[in-house]
């Protein structure tokens, strides 16, 4: 099946125009590649580094509060 690139670009352009008309804007974000070699090992290294540190409990409380707030906001919508 041959792809008509002009038609595809036109479709994407119309789609993006509809999104902009709905008040949205495109945003690109870069996140860690969880499939990258060494990713899991680095996560483990960082986790072990903070485990048992003086900041561990404070950090966990902070994260739990964020999750609870996000969950409450989600339920209220």
N, C-alpha and C. Protein backbone atom coordinates (compact mmCIF):
# COMPACT_ATOMS: atom_id res chain seq x y z
N UNK A 1 0.85 -1.18 0.00
CA UNK A 1 0.00 0.00 0.00
C UNK A 1 0.89 1.25 0.00
N UNK A 2 0.70 2.08 -0.95
CA UNK A 2 1.48 3.31 -1.10
C UNK A 2 0.87 4.41 -0.25
N UNK A 3 1.68 5.08 0.52
CA UNK A 3 1.22 6.18 1.37
C UNK A 3 1.34 7.48 0.60
N UNK A 4 0.24 8.21 0.54
CA UNK A 4 0.26 9.53 -0.08
C UNK A 4 0.67 10.52 1.01
N UNK A 5 1.93 10.92 0.98
CA UNK A 5 2.45 11.78 2.04
C UNK A 5 1.78 13.15 2.08
N UNK A 6 1.39 13.67 0.93
CA UNK A 6 0.71 14.97 0.93
C UNK A 6 -0.64 14.87 1.63
N UNK A 7 -1.38 13.79 1.36
CA UNK A 7 -2.67 13.62 2.02
C UNK A 7 -2.49 13.41 3.53
N UNK A 8 -1.49 12.65 3.89
CA UNK A 8 -1.23 12.41 5.31
C UNK A 8 -0.87 13.72 6.02
N UNK A 9 -0.01 14.52 5.40
CA UNK A 9 0.35 15.81 6.01
C UNK A 9 -0.87 16.72 6.12
N UNK A 10 -1.73 16.71 5.11
CA UNK A 10 -2.94 17.54 5.15
C UNK A 10 -3.86 17.08 6.28
N UNK A 11 -4.00 15.77 6.46
CA UNK A 11 -4.83 15.23 7.54
C UNK A 11 -4.28 15.66 8.90
N UNK A 12 -2.99 15.54 9.06
CA UNK A 12 -2.36 15.94 10.33
C UNK A 12 -2.54 17.43 10.56
N UNK A 13 -2.37 18.24 9.53
CA UNK A 13 -2.54 19.68 9.65
C UNK A 13 -3.97 20.02 10.09
N UNK A 14 -4.97 19.39 9.46
CA UNK A 14 -6.37 19.64 9.85
C UNK A 14 -6.63 19.21 11.30
N UNK A 15 -6.08 18.07 11.65
CA UNK A 15 -6.24 17.56 13.02
C UNK A 15 -5.66 18.56 14.02
N UNK A 16 -4.46 19.06 13.75
CA UNK A 16 -3.83 20.02 14.65
C UNK A 16 -4.59 21.34 14.69
N UNK A 17 -5.16 21.74 13.57
CA UNK A 17 -5.97 22.97 13.55
C UNK A 17 -7.20 22.81 14.43
N UNK A 18 -7.82 21.62 14.39
CA UNK A 18 -8.99 21.37 15.25
C UNK A 18 -8.60 21.42 16.72
N UNK A 19 -7.47 20.85 17.04
CA UNK A 19 -7.02 20.87 18.43
C UNK A 19 -6.73 22.30 18.90
N UNK A 20 -6.07 23.09 18.05
CA UNK A 20 -5.81 24.49 18.40
C UNK A 20 -7.11 25.26 18.57
N UNK A 21 -8.08 25.00 17.69
CA UNK A 21 -9.37 25.67 17.78
C UNK A 21 -10.08 25.30 19.08
N UNK A 22 -9.76 24.13 19.62
CA UNK A 22 -10.35 23.69 20.89
C UNK A 22 -9.60 24.27 22.09
N UNK A 23 -8.60 25.11 21.82
CA UNK A 23 -7.86 25.76 22.90
C UNK A 23 -6.64 24.99 23.37
N UNK A 24 -6.20 24.02 22.60
CA UNK A 24 -5.03 23.23 22.98
C UNK A 24 -3.81 23.70 22.19
N UNK A 25 -2.65 23.38 22.72
CA UNK A 25 -1.42 23.69 22.00
C UNK A 25 -0.47 22.50 22.12
N UNK A 26 0.36 22.30 21.11
CA UNK A 26 1.28 21.16 21.17
C UNK A 26 2.44 21.43 22.12
N UNK A 27 2.82 20.39 22.83
CA UNK A 27 3.94 20.46 23.75
C UNK A 27 4.76 19.18 23.57
N UNK A 28 6.06 19.32 23.47
CA UNK A 28 6.92 18.16 23.37
C UNK A 28 7.69 18.01 24.67
N UNK A 29 7.67 16.81 25.21
CA UNK A 29 8.44 16.56 26.43
C UNK A 29 9.35 15.35 26.19
N UNK A 30 10.45 15.37 26.86
CA UNK A 30 11.40 14.27 26.76
C UNK A 30 11.41 13.56 28.10
N UNK A 31 11.27 12.25 28.06
CA UNK A 31 11.27 11.44 29.27
C UNK A 31 12.33 10.35 29.14
N UNK A 32 12.77 9.80 30.25
CA UNK A 32 13.75 8.72 30.16
C UNK A 32 13.21 7.53 29.37
N UNK A 33 14.07 6.92 28.59
CA UNK A 33 13.70 5.75 27.81
C UNK A 33 13.82 4.52 28.70
N UNK A 34 12.69 4.00 29.14
CA UNK A 34 12.69 2.86 30.05
C UNK A 34 13.20 1.59 29.38
N UNK A 35 13.33 1.61 28.06
CA UNK A 35 13.85 0.44 27.34
C UNK A 35 15.35 0.51 27.15
N UNK A 36 15.97 1.61 27.51
CA UNK A 36 17.40 1.80 27.29
C UNK A 36 18.21 0.84 28.15
N UNK A 37 19.31 0.35 27.61
CA UNK A 37 20.18 -0.50 28.42
C UNK A 37 20.64 0.28 29.66
N UNK A 38 20.60 -0.37 30.79
CA UNK A 38 21.06 0.24 32.02
C UNK A 38 20.00 1.02 32.78
N UNK A 39 18.81 1.20 32.19
CA UNK A 39 17.78 2.00 32.87
C UNK A 39 17.39 1.37 34.21
N UNK A 40 17.06 0.09 34.21
CA UNK A 40 16.64 -0.58 35.44
C UNK A 40 17.75 -0.55 36.49
N UNK A 41 18.97 -0.77 36.03
CA UNK A 41 20.09 -0.75 36.96
C UNK A 41 20.26 0.63 37.60
N UNK A 42 20.08 1.68 36.81
CA UNK A 42 20.20 3.04 37.35
C UNK A 42 19.08 3.34 38.33
N UNK A 43 17.87 2.86 38.04
CA UNK A 43 16.76 3.03 38.99
C UNK A 43 17.08 2.35 40.31
N UNK A 44 17.59 1.14 40.21
CA UNK A 44 17.94 0.40 41.43
C UNK A 44 19.04 1.13 42.19
N UNK A 45 20.06 1.61 41.49
CA UNK A 45 21.16 2.32 42.14
C UNK A 45 20.65 3.53 42.91
N UNK A 46 19.78 4.31 42.25
CA UNK A 46 19.25 5.51 42.91
C UNK A 46 18.35 5.15 44.08
N UNK A 47 17.56 4.09 43.93
CA UNK A 47 16.67 3.66 45.01
C UNK A 47 17.48 3.22 46.23
N UNK A 48 18.53 2.44 45.98
CA UNK A 48 19.37 1.98 47.09
C UNK A 48 20.10 3.14 47.75
N UNK A 49 20.42 4.14 46.96
CA UNK A 49 21.15 5.28 47.50
C UNK A 49 20.30 6.07 48.50
N UNK A 50 19.02 6.20 48.22
CA UNK A 50 18.17 6.97 49.15
C UNK A 50 17.61 6.10 50.26
N UNK A 51 17.55 4.79 50.06
CA UNK A 51 16.99 3.90 51.09
C UNK A 51 17.76 4.07 52.39
N UNK A 52 17.03 4.35 53.43
CA UNK A 52 17.66 4.51 54.74
C UNK A 52 18.29 5.86 54.98
N UNK A 53 18.24 6.75 54.01
CA UNK A 53 18.82 8.08 54.21
C UNK A 53 17.88 8.92 55.07
N UNK A 54 18.41 9.97 55.67
CA UNK A 54 17.55 10.85 56.48
C UNK A 54 16.40 11.45 55.67
N UNK A 55 16.58 11.63 54.37
CA UNK A 55 15.56 12.27 53.55
C UNK A 55 14.49 11.29 53.06
N UNK A 56 14.73 9.99 53.24
CA UNK A 56 13.82 8.99 52.66
C UNK A 56 12.37 9.19 53.11
N UNK A 57 12.13 9.24 54.39
CA UNK A 57 10.76 9.36 54.89
C UNK A 57 10.11 10.67 54.48
N UNK A 58 10.87 11.74 54.52
CA UNK A 58 10.34 13.04 54.10
C UNK A 58 9.96 13.00 52.62
N UNK A 59 10.83 12.41 51.80
CA UNK A 59 10.55 12.30 50.37
C UNK A 59 9.31 11.44 50.12
N UNK A 60 9.19 10.33 50.84
CA UNK A 60 8.03 9.46 50.67
C UNK A 60 6.74 10.18 51.07
N UNK A 61 6.78 10.92 52.18
CA UNK A 61 5.59 11.68 52.60
C UNK A 61 5.20 12.71 51.54
N UNK A 62 6.20 13.37 50.97
CA UNK A 62 5.94 14.36 49.93
C UNK A 62 5.28 13.69 48.72
N UNK A 63 5.82 12.58 48.26
CA UNK A 63 5.26 11.88 47.11
C UNK A 63 3.85 11.37 47.39
N UNK A 64 3.64 10.82 48.59
CA UNK A 64 2.31 10.33 48.96
C UNK A 64 1.30 11.47 48.97
N UNK A 65 1.70 12.65 49.45
CA UNK A 65 0.80 13.80 49.46
C UNK A 65 0.45 14.23 48.04
N UNK A 66 1.44 14.21 47.15
CA UNK A 66 1.17 14.55 45.75
C UNK A 66 0.17 13.58 45.13
N UNK A 67 0.38 12.30 45.36
CA UNK A 67 -0.51 11.29 44.80
C UNK A 67 -1.92 11.46 45.37
N UNK A 68 -2.02 11.67 46.67
CA UNK A 68 -3.34 11.85 47.30
C UNK A 68 -4.05 13.07 46.74
N UNK A 69 -3.32 14.16 46.56
CA UNK A 69 -3.92 15.37 46.00
C UNK A 69 -4.39 15.16 44.57
N UNK A 70 -3.55 14.49 43.78
CA UNK A 70 -3.92 14.21 42.39
C UNK A 70 -5.15 13.31 42.34
N UNK A 71 -5.20 12.31 43.21
CA UNK A 71 -6.34 11.39 43.24
C UNK A 71 -7.61 12.14 43.63
N UNK A 72 -7.51 13.04 44.61
CA UNK A 72 -8.67 13.81 45.03
C UNK A 72 -9.16 14.72 43.90
N UNK A 73 -8.22 15.35 43.21
CA UNK A 73 -8.59 16.20 42.08
C UNK A 73 -9.27 15.39 41.00
N UNK A 74 -8.73 14.19 40.75
CA UNK A 74 -9.28 13.32 39.71
C UNK A 74 -10.71 12.91 40.06
N UNK A 75 -10.96 12.59 41.33
CA UNK A 75 -12.28 12.16 41.77
C UNK A 75 -13.28 13.30 41.71
N UNK A 76 -12.83 14.54 41.89
CA UNK A 76 -13.73 15.69 41.88
C UNK A 76 -14.10 16.16 40.49
N UNK A 77 -13.48 15.59 39.47
CA UNK A 77 -13.80 16.03 38.10
C UNK A 77 -14.90 15.22 37.51
